[in-house]
Amino acid sequence: MSSTSAQSHKHLQSTRLKQKSIYWSVEVLNDDETPFAFVIALLMTLFAFSEQTAQVITYRIHTSGSARIGKFTKTEALEKRAKLIQLARSAGHPLRATVVKEGNHAES
């Protein structure tokens, strides 16, 4: 392999590693109106958490103001957020969420 070819290959590998280390989380935000039981059920349904794990996350949301959930592609995270908000609104709750970029943020 030529020197230029080897450098290109290393750059490509480095770019792939950076891309793989970037992921997106859904950050669920606390509010004073959405019941704990609803948030727990939502986390179990939407993110497939056990009841115990959903309770721990719900408590974290309540005490810390938010909790980041999952490692998703951007599209998956946006879909999860949209579904979460749809379910909350359908039940009459103001629960909110954002999508947050995580991992290696270095741009090349």
PDB file of N, CA and C in Angstrom:
ATOM      1  N   MET A   1       0.846  -1.176   0.000  1.00  0.00           N
ATOM      2  CA  MET A   1       0.000   0.000   0.000  1.00  0.00           C
ATOM      3  C   MET A   1       0.889   1.235   0.000  1.00  0.00           C
ATOM      4  N   SER A   2       0.592   2.202  -0.846  1.00  0.00           N
ATOM      5  CA  SER A   2       1.401   3.412  -0.915  1.00  0.00           C
ATOM      6  C   SER A   2       1.188   4.247   0.348  1.00  0.00           C
ATOM      7  N   SER A   3       2.087   5.183   0.570  1.00  0.00           N
ATOM      8  CA  SER A   3       2.003   6.060   1.743  1.00  0.00           C
ATOM      9  C   SER A   3       0.713   6.878   1.726  1.00  0.00           C
ATOM     10  N   THR A   4       0.361   7.409   0.547  1.00  0.00           N
ATOM     11  CA  THR A   4      -0.862   8.188   0.408  1.00  0.00           C
ATOM     12  C   THR A   4      -2.084   7.313   0.642  1.00  0.00           C
ATOM     13  N   SER A   5      -2.059   6.121   0.100  1.00  0.00           N
ATOM     14  CA  SER A   5      -3.162   5.184   0.276  1.00  0.00           C
ATOM     15  C   SER A   5      -3.313   4.794   1.744  1.00  0.00           C
ATOM     16  N   ALA A   6      -2.198   4.566   2.424  1.00  0.00           N
ATOM     17  CA  ALA A   6      -2.226   4.207   3.847  1.00  0.00           C
ATOM     18  C   ALA A   6      -2.786   5.354   4.676  1.00  0.00           C
ATOM     19  N   GLN A   7      -2.399   6.590   4.327  1.00  0.00           N
ATOM     20  CA  GLN A   7      -2.918   7.756   5.044  1.00  0.00           C
ATOM     21  C   GLN A   7      -4.427   7.899   4.828  1.00  0.00           C
ATOM     22  N   SER A   8      -4.879   7.682   3.619  1.00  0.00           N
ATOM     23  CA  SER A   8      -6.312   7.745   3.318  1.00  0.00           C
ATOM     24  C   SER A   8      -7.072   6.687   4.102  1.00  0.00           C
ATOM     25  N   HIS A   9      -6.492   5.491   4.162  1.00  0.00           N
ATOM     26  CA  HIS A   9      -7.123   4.389   4.886  1.00  0.00           C
ATOM     27  C   HIS A   9      -7.234   4.722   6.379  1.00  0.00           C
ATOM     28  N   LYS A  10      -6.153   5.281   6.958  1.00  0.00           N
ATOM     29  CA  LYS A  10      -6.175   5.668   8.374  1.00  0.00           C
ATOM     30  C   LYS A  10      -7.208   6.761   8.626  1.00  0.00           C
ATOM     31  N   HIS A  11      -7.296   7.730   7.723  1.00  0.00           N
ATOM     32  CA  HIS A  11      -8.276   8.802   7.869  1.00  0.00           C
ATOM     33  C   HIS A  11      -9.699   8.238   7.823  1.00  0.00           C
ATOM     34  N   LEU A  12      -9.942   7.323   6.903  1.00  0.00           N
ATOM     35  CA  LEU A  12     -11.257   6.695   6.787  1.00  0.00           C
ATOM     36  C   LEU A  12     -11.599   5.927   8.054  1.00  0.00           C
ATOM     37  N   GLN A  13     -10.639   5.173   8.598  1.00  0.00           N
ATOM     38  CA  GLN A  13     -10.870   4.433   9.834  1.00  0.00           C
ATOM     39  C   GLN A  13     -11.155   5.389  10.984  1.00  0.00           C
ATOM     40  N   SER A  14     -10.409   6.469  11.070  1.00  0.00           N
ATOM     41  CA  SER A  14     -10.601   7.464  12.122  1.00  0.00           C
ATOM     42  C   SER A  14     -11.984   8.097  12.024  1.00  0.00           C
ATOM     43  N   THR A  15     -12.417   8.417  10.808  1.00  0.00           N
ATOM     44  CA  THR A  15     -13.737   8.995  10.592  1.00  0.00           C
ATOM     45  C   THR A  15     -14.824   8.020  11.006  1.00  0.00           C
ATOM     46  N   ARG A  16     -14.672   6.738  10.660  1.00  0.00           N
ATOM     47  CA  ARG A  16     -15.659   5.732  11.047  1.00  0.00           C
ATOM     48  C   ARG A  16     -15.749   5.592  12.559  1.00  0.00           C
ATOM     49  N   LEU A  17     -14.612   5.618  13.242  1.00  0.00           N
ATOM     50  CA  LEU A  17     -14.612   5.518  14.701  1.00  0.00           C
ATOM     51  C   LEU A  17     -15.335   6.708  15.317  1.00  0.00           C
ATOM     52  N   LYS A  18     -15.091   7.890  14.791  1.00  0.00           N
ATOM     53  CA  LYS A  18     -15.769   9.078  15.299  1.00  0.00           C
ATOM     54  C   LYS A  18     -17.270   8.966  15.079  1.00  0.00           C
ATOM     55  N   GLN A  19     -17.684   8.508  13.907  1.00  0.00           N
ATOM     56  CA  GLN A  19     -19.103   8.377  13.608  1.00  0.00           C
ATOM     57  C   GLN A  19     -19.759   7.362  14.528  1.00  0.00           C
ATOM     58  N   LYS A  20     -19.088   6.244  14.799  1.00  0.00           N
ATOM     59  CA  LYS A  20     -19.652   5.214  15.657  1.00  0.00           C
ATOM     60  C   LYS A  20     -19.753   5.669  17.099  1.00  0.00           C
ATOM     61  N   SER A  21     -18.883   6.582  17.524  1.00  0.00           N
ATOM     62  CA  SER A  21     -18.906   7.017  18.903  1.00  0.00           C
ATOM     63  C   SER A  21     -19.900   8.152  19.148  1.00  0.00           C
ATOM     64  N   ILE A  22     -20.545   8.619  18.101  1.00  0.00           N
ATOM     65  CA  ILE A  22     -21.581   9.644  18.247  1.00  0.00           C
ATOM     66  C   ILE A  22     -22.932   8.951  18.261  1.00  0.00           C
ATOM     67  N   TYR A  23     -23.720   9.297  19.256  1.00  0.00           N
ATOM     68  CA  TYR A  23     -25.066   8.744  19.353  1.00  0.00           C
ATOM     69  C   TYR A  23     -25.987   9.810  19.938  1.00  0.00           C
ATOM     70  N   TRP A  24     -27.242   9.493  20.012  1.00  0.00           N
ATOM     71  CA  TRP A  24     -28.249  10.445  20.469  1.00  0.00           C
ATOM     72  C   TRP A  24     -29.055   9.827  21.603  1.00  0.00           C
ATOM     73  N   SER A  25     -29.365  10.638  22.596  1.00  0.00           N
ATOM     74  CA  SER A  25     -30.190  10.208  23.725  1.00  0.00           C
ATOM     75  C   SER A  25     -31.479  10.999  23.731  1.00  0.00           C
ATOM     76  N   VAL A  26     -32.490  10.417  24.356  1.00  0.00           N
ATOM     77  CA  VAL A  26     -33.733  11.141  24.608  1.00  0.00           C
ATOM     78  C   VAL A  26     -33.644  11.626  26.054  1.00  0.00           C
ATOM     79  N   GLU A  27     -33.742  12.923  26.246  1.00  0.00           N
ATOM     80  CA  GLU A  27     -33.698  13.489  27.592  1.00  0.00           C
ATOM     81  C   GLU A  27     -35.128  13.827  28.012  1.00  0.00           C
ATOM     82  N   VAL A  28     -35.604  13.132  29.025  1.00  0.00           N
ATOM     83  CA  VAL A  28     -36.958  13.355  29.540  1.00  0.00           C
ATOM     84  C   VAL A  28     -36.861  14.405  30.637  1.00  0.00           C
ATOM     85  N   LEU A  29     -37.722  15.416  30.551  1.00  0.00           N
ATOM     86  CA  LEU A  29     -37.674  16.555  31.465  1.00  0.00           C
ATOM     87  C   LEU A  29     -38.766  16.463  32.527  1.00  0.00           C
ATOM     88  N   ASN A  30     -38.431  16.884  33.730  1.00  0.00           N
ATOM     89  CA  ASN A  30     -39.385  16.866  34.834  1.00  0.00           C
ATOM     90  C   ASN A  30     -40.446  17.949  34.659  1.00  0.00           C
ATOM     91  N   ASP A  31     -41.625  17.679  35.156  1.00  0.00           N
ATOM     92  CA  ASP A  31     -42.668  18.693  35.292  1.00  0.00           C
ATOM     93  C   ASP A  31     -43.430  18.379  36.576  1.00  0.00           C
ATOM     94  N   ASP A  32     -44.263  19.296  36.994  1.00  0.00           N
ATOM     95  CA  ASP A  32     -44.985  19.119  38.254  1.00  0.00           C
ATOM     96  C   ASP A  32     -46.358  18.482  38.084  1.00  0.00           C
ATOM     97  N   GLU A  33     -46.703  18.058  36.877  1.00  0.00           N
ATOM     98  CA  GLU A  33     -48.053  17.557  36.638  1.00  0.00           C
ATOM     99  C   GLU A  33     -48.135  16.096  36.207  1.00  0.00           C
ATOM    100  N   THR A  34     -47.180  15.604  35.462  1.00  0.00           N
ATOM    101  CA  THR A  34     -47.252  14.237  34.951  1.00  0.00           C
ATOM    102  C   THR A  34     -47.032  13.257  36.106  1.00  0.00           C
ATOM    103  N   PRO A  35     -47.980  12.342  36.328  1.00  0.00           N
ATOM    104  CA  PRO A  35     -47.854  11.397  37.442  1.00  0.00           C
ATOM    105  C   PRO A  35     -46.697  10.411  37.261  1.00  0.00           C
ATOM    106  N   PHE A  36     -46.077  10.055  38.387  1.00  0.00           N
ATOM    107  CA  PHE A  36     -45.002   9.064  38.375  1.00  0.00           C
ATOM    108  C   PHE A  36     -45.429   7.793  37.649  1.00  0.00           C
ATOM    109  N   ALA A  37     -46.631   7.314  37.967  1.00  0.00           N
ATOM    110  CA  ALA A  37     -47.108   6.046  37.392  1.00  0.00           C
ATOM    111  C   ALA A  37     -47.147   6.115  35.870  1.00  0.00           C
ATOM    112  N   PHE A  38     -47.533   7.271  35.334  1.00  0.00           N
ATOM    113  CA  PHE A  38     -47.577   7.421  33.878  1.00  0.00           C
ATOM    114  C   PHE A  38     -46.165   7.364  33.291  1.00  0.00           C
ATOM    115  N   VAL A  39     -45.227   8.072  33.907  1.00  0.00           N
ATOM    116  CA  VAL A  39     -43.848   8.092  33.403  1.00  0.00           C
ATOM    117  C   VAL A  39     -43.249   6.690  33.469  1.00  0.00           C
ATOM    118  N   ILE A  40     -43.479   5.989  34.553  1.00  0.00           N
ATOM    119  CA  ILE A  40     -42.972   4.623  34.697  1.00  0.00           C
ATOM    120  C   ILE A  40     -43.525   3.730  33.592  1.00  0.00           C
ATOM    121  N   ALA A  41     -44.838   3.788  33.373  1.00  0.00           N
ATOM    122  CA  ALA A  41     -45.461   2.971  32.325  1.00  0.00           C
ATOM    123  C   ALA A  41     -44.928   3.348  30.944  1.00  0.00           C
ATOM    124  N   LEU A  42     -44.732   4.634  30.717  1.00  0.00           N
ATOM    125  CA  LEU A  42     -44.218   5.109  29.431  1.00  0.00           C
ATOM    126  C   LEU A  42     -42.808   4.578  29.184  1.00  0.00           C
ATOM    127  N   LEU A  43     -41.951   4.640  30.201  1.00  0.00           N
ATOM    128  CA  LEU A  43     -40.575   4.143  30.057  1.00  0.00           C
ATOM    129  C   LEU A  43     -40.552   2.644  29.804  1.00  0.00           C
ATOM    130  N   MET A  44     -41.449   1.923  30.457  1.00  0.00           N
ATOM    131  CA  MET A  44     -41.525   0.475  30.249  1.00  0.00           C
ATOM    132  C   MET A  44     -41.995   0.153  28.830  1.00  0.00           C
ATOM    133  N   THR A  45     -42.970   0.893  28.352  1.00  0.00           N
ATOM    134  CA  THR A  45     -43.538   0.656  27.029  1.00  0.00           C
ATOM    135  C   THR A  45     -42.603   1.101  25.908  1.00  0.00           C
ATOM    136  N   LEU A  46     -42.132   2.319  25.998  1.00  0.00           N
ATOM    137  CA  LEU A  46     -41.380   2.922  24.902  1.00  0.00           C
ATOM    138  C   LEU A  46     -39.911   2.488  24.850  1.00  0.00           C
ATOM    139  N   PHE A  47     -39.318   2.249  26.027  1.00  0.00           N
ATOM    140  CA  PHE A  47     -37.890   1.921  26.067  1.00  0.00           C
ATOM    141  C   PHE A  47     -37.619   0.510  26.571  1.00  0.00           C
ATOM    142  N   ALA A  48     -38.663  -0.253  26.835  1.00  0.00           N
ATOM    143  CA  ALA A  48     -38.564  -1.657  27.270  1.00  0.00           C
ATOM    144  C   ALA A  48     -37.787  -1.834  28.575  1.00  0.00           C
ATOM    145  N   PHE A  49     -37.923  -0.867  29.484  1.00  0.00           N
ATOM    146  CA  PHE A  49     -37.300  -0.997  30.796  1.00  0.00           C
ATOM    147  C   PHE A  49     -38.142  -1.879  31.693  1.00  0.00           C
ATOM    148  N   SER A  50     -37.487  -2.530  32.643  1.00  0.00           N
ATOM    149  CA  SER A  50     -38.219  -3.249  33.682  1.00  0.00           C
ATOM    150  C   SER A  50     -38.911  -2.204  34.565  1.00  0.00           C
ATOM    151  N   GLU A  51     -39.864  -2.646  35.348  1.00  0.00           N
ATOM    152  CA  GLU A  51     -40.562  -1.712  36.231  1.00  0.00           C
ATOM    153  C   GLU A  51     -39.586  -1.066  37.219  1.00  0.00           C
ATOM    154  N   GLN A  52     -38.679  -1.852  37.753  1.00  0.00           N
ATOM    155  CA  GLN A  52     -37.713  -1.329  38.725  1.00  0.00           C
ATOM    156  C   GLN A  52     -36.803  -0.270  38.087  1.00  0.00           C
ATOM    157  N   THR A  53     -36.293  -0.550  36.911  1.00  0.00           N
ATOM    158  CA  THR A  53     -35.438   0.414  36.212  1.00  0.00           C
ATOM    159  C   THR A  53     -36.219   1.679  35.866  1.00  0.00           C
ATOM    160  N   ALA A  54     -37.450   1.519  35.412  1.00  0.00           N
ATOM    161  CA  ALA A  54     -38.297   2.674  35.081  1.00  0.00           C
ATOM    162  C   ALA A  54     -38.560   3.531  36.320  1.00  0.00           C
ATOM    163  N   GLN A  55     -38.727   2.894  37.471  1.00  0.00           N
ATOM    164  CA  GLN A  55     -38.936   3.641  38.718  1.00  0.00           C
ATOM    165  C   GLN A  55     -37.691   4.459  39.074  1.00  0.00           C
ATOM    166  N   VAL A  56     -36.519   3.846  38.932  1.00  0.00           N
ATOM    167  CA  VAL A  56     -35.261   4.538  39.235  1.00  0.00           C
ATOM    168  C   VAL A  56     -35.084   5.740  38.306  1.00  0.00           C
ATOM    169  N   ILE A  57     -35.343   5.560  37.027  1.00  0.00           N
ATOM    170  CA  ILE A  57     -35.198   6.658  36.060  1.00  0.00           C
ATOM    171  C   ILE A  57     -36.207   7.759  36.346  1.00  0.00           C
ATOM    172  N   THR A  58     -37.448   7.381  36.670  1.00  0.00           N
ATOM    173  CA  THR A  58     -38.482   8.372  36.982  1.00  0.00           C
ATOM    174  C   THR A  58     -38.079   9.190  38.205  1.00  0.00           C
ATOM    175  N   TYR A  59     -37.528   8.535  39.200  1.00  0.00           N
ATOM    176  CA  TYR A  59     -37.066   9.253  40.394  1.00  0.00           C
ATOM    177  C   TYR A  59     -35.928  10.201  40.033  1.00  0.00           C
ATOM    178  N   ARG A  60     -35.020   9.761  39.155  1.00  0.00           N
ATOM    179  CA  ARG A  60     -33.914  10.623  38.701  1.00  0.00           C
ATOM    180  C   ARG A  60     -34.466  11.846  37.967  1.00  0.00           C
ATOM    181  N   ILE A  61     -35.455  11.637  37.117  1.00  0.00           N
ATOM    182  CA  ILE A  61     -36.082  12.764  36.407  1.00  0.00           C
ATOM    183  C   ILE A  61     -36.651  13.749  37.425  1.00  0.00           C
ATOM    184  N   HIS A  62     -37.342  13.221  38.423  1.00  0.00           N
ATOM    185  CA  HIS A  62     -37.986  14.054  39.439  1.00  0.00           C
ATOM    186  C   HIS A  62     -36.968  14.834  40.271  1.00  0.00           C
ATOM    187  N   THR A  63     -35.908  14.185  40.710  1.00  0.00           N
ATOM    188  CA  THR A  63     -34.953  14.835  41.610  1.00  0.00           C
ATOM    189  C   THR A  63     -33.887  15.664  40.884  1.00  0.00           C
ATOM    190  N   SER A  64     -33.513  15.256  39.680  1.00  0.00           N
ATOM    191  CA  SER A  64     -32.451  15.960  38.952  1.00  0.00           C
ATOM    192  C   SER A  64     -32.974  16.916  37.889  1.00  0.00           C
ATOM    193  N   GLY A  65     -34.246  16.811  37.590  1.00  0.00           N
ATOM    194  CA  GLY A  65     -34.834  17.683  36.575  1.00  0.00           C
ATOM    195  C   GLY A  65     -34.900  17.062  35.194  1.00  0.00           C
ATOM    196  N   SER A  66     -34.115  15.989  34.983  1.00  0.00           N
ATOM    197  CA  SER A  66     -34.144  15.295  33.702  1.00  0.00           C
ATOM    198  C   SER A  66     -33.328  14.014  33.803  1.00  0.00           C
ATOM    199  N   ALA A  67     -33.488  13.176  32.792  1.00  0.00           N
ATOM    200  CA  ALA A  67     -32.655  11.974  32.663  1.00  0.00           C
ATOM    201  C   ALA A  67     -32.500  11.671  31.182  1.00  0.00           C
ATOM    202  N   ARG A  68     -31.276  11.320  30.800  1.00  0.00           N
ATOM    203  CA  ARG A  68     -30.999  10.944  29.411  1.00  0.00           C
ATOM    204  C   ARG A  68     -31.107   9.437  29.277  1.00  0.00           C
ATOM    205  N   ILE A  69     -31.780   9.030  28.222  1.00  0.00           N
ATOM    206  CA  ILE A  69     -32.087   7.615  28.032  1.00  0.00           C
ATOM    207  C   ILE A  69     -31.606   7.155  26.668  1.00  0.00           C
ATOM    208  N   GLY A  70     -30.904   6.026  26.648  1.00  0.00           N
ATOM    209  CA  GLY A  70     -30.584   5.322  25.418  1.00  0.00           C
ATOM    210  C   GLY A  70     -29.401   5.827  24.651  1.00  0.00           C
ATOM    211  N   LYS A  71     -29.035   5.002  23.676  1.00  0.00           N
ATOM    212  CA  LYS A  71     -28.020   5.317  22.674  1.00  0.00           C
ATOM    213  C   LYS A  71     -28.651   4.965  21.337  1.00  0.00           C
ATOM    214  N   PHE A  72     -29.063   5.981  20.613  1.00  0.00           N
ATOM    215  CA  PHE A  72     -29.811   5.781  19.380  1.00  0.00           C
ATOM    216  C   PHE A  72     -29.153   6.536  18.229  1.00  0.00           C
ATOM    217  N   THR A  73     -29.562   6.176  17.013  1.00  0.00           N
ATOM    218  CA  THR A  73     -29.242   7.035  15.882  1.00  0.00           C
ATOM    219  C   THR A  73     -30.098   8.282  16.053  1.00  0.00           C
ATOM    220  N   LYS A  74     -29.769   9.325  15.353  1.00  0.00           N
ATOM    221  CA  LYS A  74     -30.554  10.556  15.465  1.00  0.00           C
ATOM    222  C   LYS A  74     -32.017  10.305  15.088  1.00  0.00           C
ATOM    223  N   THR A  75     -32.228   9.557  14.026  1.00  0.00           N
ATOM    224  CA  THR A  75     -33.588   9.260  13.574  1.00  0.00           C
ATOM    225  C   THR A  75     -34.367   8.489  14.635  1.00  0.00           C
ATOM    226  N   GLU A  76     -33.732   7.474  15.220  1.00  0.00           N
ATOM    227  CA  GLU A  76     -34.401   6.679  16.259  1.00  0.00           C
ATOM    228  C   GLU A  76     -34.749   7.543  17.469  1.00  0.00           C
ATOM    229  N   ALA A  77     -33.823   8.398  17.880  1.00  0.00           N
ATOM    230  CA  ALA A  77     -34.066   9.265  19.033  1.00  0.00           C
ATOM    231  C   ALA A  77     -35.210  10.232  18.765  1.00  0.00           C
ATOM    232  N   LEU A  78     -35.244  10.795  17.573  1.00  0.00           N
ATOM    233  CA  LEU A  78     -36.338  11.709  17.215  1.00  0.00           C
ATOM    234  C   LEU A  78     -37.684  10.982  17.196  1.00  0.00           C
ATOM    235  N   GLU A  79     -37.680   9.742  16.706  1.00  0.00           N
ATOM    236  CA  GLU A  79     -38.912   8.946  16.694  1.00  0.00           C
ATOM    237  C   GLU A  79     -39.375   8.619  18.108  1.00  0.00           C
ATOM    238  N   LYS A  80     -38.442   8.240  18.987  1.00  0.00           N
ATOM    239  CA  LYS A  80     -38.778   7.942  20.391  1.00  0.00           C
ATOM    240  C   LYS A  80     -39.346   9.187  21.071  1.00  0.00           C
ATOM    241  N   ARG A  81     -38.710  10.325  20.846  1.00  0.00           N
ATOM    242  CA  ARG A  81     -39.185  11.579  21.440  1.00  0.00           C
ATOM    243  C   ARG A  81     -40.593  11.913  20.949  1.00  0.00           C
ATOM    244  N   ALA A  82     -40.818  11.789  19.664  1.00  0.00           N
ATOM    245  CA  ALA A  82     -42.138  12.092  19.098  1.00  0.00           C
ATOM    246  C   ALA A  82     -43.205  11.171  19.686  1.00  0.00           C
ATOM    247  N   LYS A  83     -42.890   9.892  19.811  1.00  0.00           N
ATOM    248  CA  LYS A  83     -43.838   8.929  20.370  1.00  0.00           C
ATOM    249  C   LYS A  83     -44.114   9.237  21.842  1.00  0.00           C
ATOM    250  N   LEU A  84     -43.070   9.575  22.594  1.00  0.00           N
ATOM    251  CA  LEU A  84     -43.224   9.932  23.999  1.00  0.00           C
ATOM    252  C   LEU A  84     -44.174  11.121  24.149  1.00  0.00           C
ATOM    253  N   ILE A  85     -43.948  12.154  23.356  1.00  0.00           N
ATOM    254  CA  ILE A  85     -44.792  13.346  23.442  1.00  0.00           C
ATOM    255  C   ILE A  85     -46.214  13.038  22.997  1.00  0.00           C
ATOM    256  N   GLN A  86     -46.365  12.245  21.941  1.00  0.00           N
ATOM    257  CA  GLN A  86     -47.698  11.865  21.468  1.00  0.00           C
ATOM    258  C   GLN A  86     -48.472  11.127  22.573  1.00  0.00           C
ATOM    259  N   LEU A  87     -47.830  10.152  23.213  1.00  0.00           N
ATOM    260  CA  LEU A  87     -48.487   9.392  24.273  1.00  0.00           C
ATOM    261  C   LEU A  87     -48.834  10.274  25.470  1.00  0.00           C
ATOM    262  N   ALA A  88     -47.918  11.167  25.821  1.00  0.00           N
ATOM    263  CA  ALA A  88     -48.177  12.074  26.945  1.00  0.00           C
ATOM    264  C   ALA A  88     -49.353  13.005  26.637  1.00  0.00           C
ATOM    265  N   ARG A  89     -49.362  13.587  25.458  1.00  0.00           N
ATOM    266  CA  ARG A  89     -50.458  14.508  25.092  1.00  0.00           C
ATOM    267  C   ARG A  89     -51.797  13.770  25.009  1.00  0.00           C
ATOM    268  N   SER A  90     -51.769  12.549  24.467  1.00  0.00           N
ATOM    269  CA  SER A  90     -52.994  11.747  24.370  1.00  0.00           C
ATOM    270  C   SER A  90     -53.593  11.475  25.746  1.00  0.00           C
ATOM    271  N   ALA A  91     -52.720  11.378  26.750  1.00  0.00           N
ATOM    272  CA  ALA A  91     -53.181  11.130  28.120  1.00  0.00           C
ATOM    273  C   ALA A  91     -53.406  12.434  28.887  1.00  0.00           C
ATOM    274  N   GLY A  92     -53.180  13.571  28.229  1.00  0.00           N
ATOM    275  CA  GLY A  92     -53.410  14.867  28.861  1.00  0.00           C
ATOM    276  C   GLY A  92     -52.284  15.340  29.768  1.00  0.00           C
ATOM    277  N   HIS A  93     -51.071  14.862  29.538  1.00  0.00           N
ATOM    278  CA  HIS A  93     -49.932  15.229  30.376  1.00  0.00           C
ATOM    279  C   HIS A  93     -48.964  16.132  29.604  1.00  0.00           C
ATOM    280  N   PRO A  94     -48.312  17.079  30.321  1.00  0.00           N
ATOM    281  CA  PRO A  94     -47.395  18.017  29.662  1.00  0.00           C
ATOM    282  C   PRO A  94     -45.946  17.528  29.564  1.00  0.00           C
ATOM    283  N   LEU A  95     -45.704  16.242  29.768  1.00  0.00           N
ATOM    284  CA  LEU A  95     -44.342  15.704  29.754  1.00  0.00           C
ATOM    285  C   LEU A  95     -43.605  16.143  28.489  1.00  0.00           C
ATOM    286  N   ARG A  96     -42.356  16.574  28.684  1.00  0.00           N
ATOM    287  CA  ARG A  96     -41.535  17.040  27.563  1.00  0.00           C
ATOM    288  C   ARG A  96     -40.249  16.243  27.481  1.00  0.00           C
ATOM    289  N   ALA A  97     -39.643  16.260  26.309  1.00  0.00           N
ATOM    290  CA  ALA A  97     -38.369  15.575  26.098  1.00  0.00           C
ATOM    291  C   ALA A  97     -37.615  16.279  24.981  1.00  0.00           C
ATOM    292  N   THR A  98     -36.311  16.127  25.011  1.00  0.00           N
ATOM    293  CA  THR A  98     -35.462  16.657  23.957  1.00  0.00           C
ATOM    294  C   THR A  98     -34.577  15.520  23.444  1.00  0.00           C
ATOM    295  N   VAL A  99     -33.894  15.780  22.361  1.00  0.00           N
ATOM    296  CA  VAL A  99     -32.932  14.827  21.810  1.00  0.00           C
ATOM    297  C   VAL A  99     -31.560  15.469  21.951  1.00  0.00           C
ATOM    298  N   VAL A 100     -30.609  14.706  22.526  1.00  0.00           N
ATOM    299  CA  VAL A 100     -29.300  15.242  22.849  1.00  0.00           C
ATOM    300  C   VAL A 100     -28.207  14.430  22.155  1.00  0.00           C
ATOM    301  N   LYS A 101     -27.293  15.132  21.511  1.00  0.00           N
ATOM    302  CA  LYS A 101     -26.141  14.483  20.871  1.00  0.00           C
ATOM    303  C   LYS A 101     -25.138  14.113  21.958  1.00  0.00           C
ATOM    304  N   GLU A 102     -24.693  12.873  21.938  1.00  0.00           N
ATOM    305  CA  GLU A 102     -23.772  12.353  22.952  1.00  0.00           C
ATOM    306  C   GLU A 102     -22.515  11.812  22.280  1.00  0.00           C
ATOM    307  N   GLY A 103     -21.562  11.443  23.099  1.00  0.00           N
ATOM    308  CA  GLY A 103     -20.371  10.775  22.585  1.00  0.00           C
ATOM    309  C   GLY A 103     -19.331  11.758  22.102  1.00  0.00           C
ATOM    310  N   ASN A 104     -18.508  11.298  21.164  1.00  0.00           N
ATOM    311  CA  ASN A 104     -17.408  12.075  20.635  1.00  0.00           C
ATOM    312  C   ASN A 104     -17.972  13.141  19.691  1.00  0.00           C
ATOM    313  N   HIS A 105     -17.819  14.404  20.072  1.00  0.00           N
ATOM    314  CA  HIS A 105     -18.356  15.499  19.262  1.00  0.00           C
ATOM    315  C   HIS A 105     -17.345  16.097  18.307  1.00  0.00           C
ATOM    316  N   ALA A 106     -16.166  15.518  18.242  1.00  0.00           N
ATOM    317  CA  ALA A 106     -15.110  16.050  17.384  1.00  0.00           C
ATOM    318  C   ALA A 106     -15.537  16.003  15.921  1.00  0.00           C
ATOM    319  N   GLU A 107     -15.326  17.079  15.254  1.00  0.00           N
ATOM    320  CA  GLU A 107     -15.617  17.171  13.819  1.00  0.00           C
ATOM    321  C   GLU A 107     -14.287  17.131  13.071  1.00  0.00           C
ATOM    322  N   SER A 108     -14.268  16.481  11.941  1.00  0.00           N
ATOM    323  CA  SER A 108     -13.022  16.482  11.163  1.00  0.00           C
ATOM    324  C   SER A 108     -13.210  17.247   9.881  1.00  0.00           C
TER     325      SER A 108
END
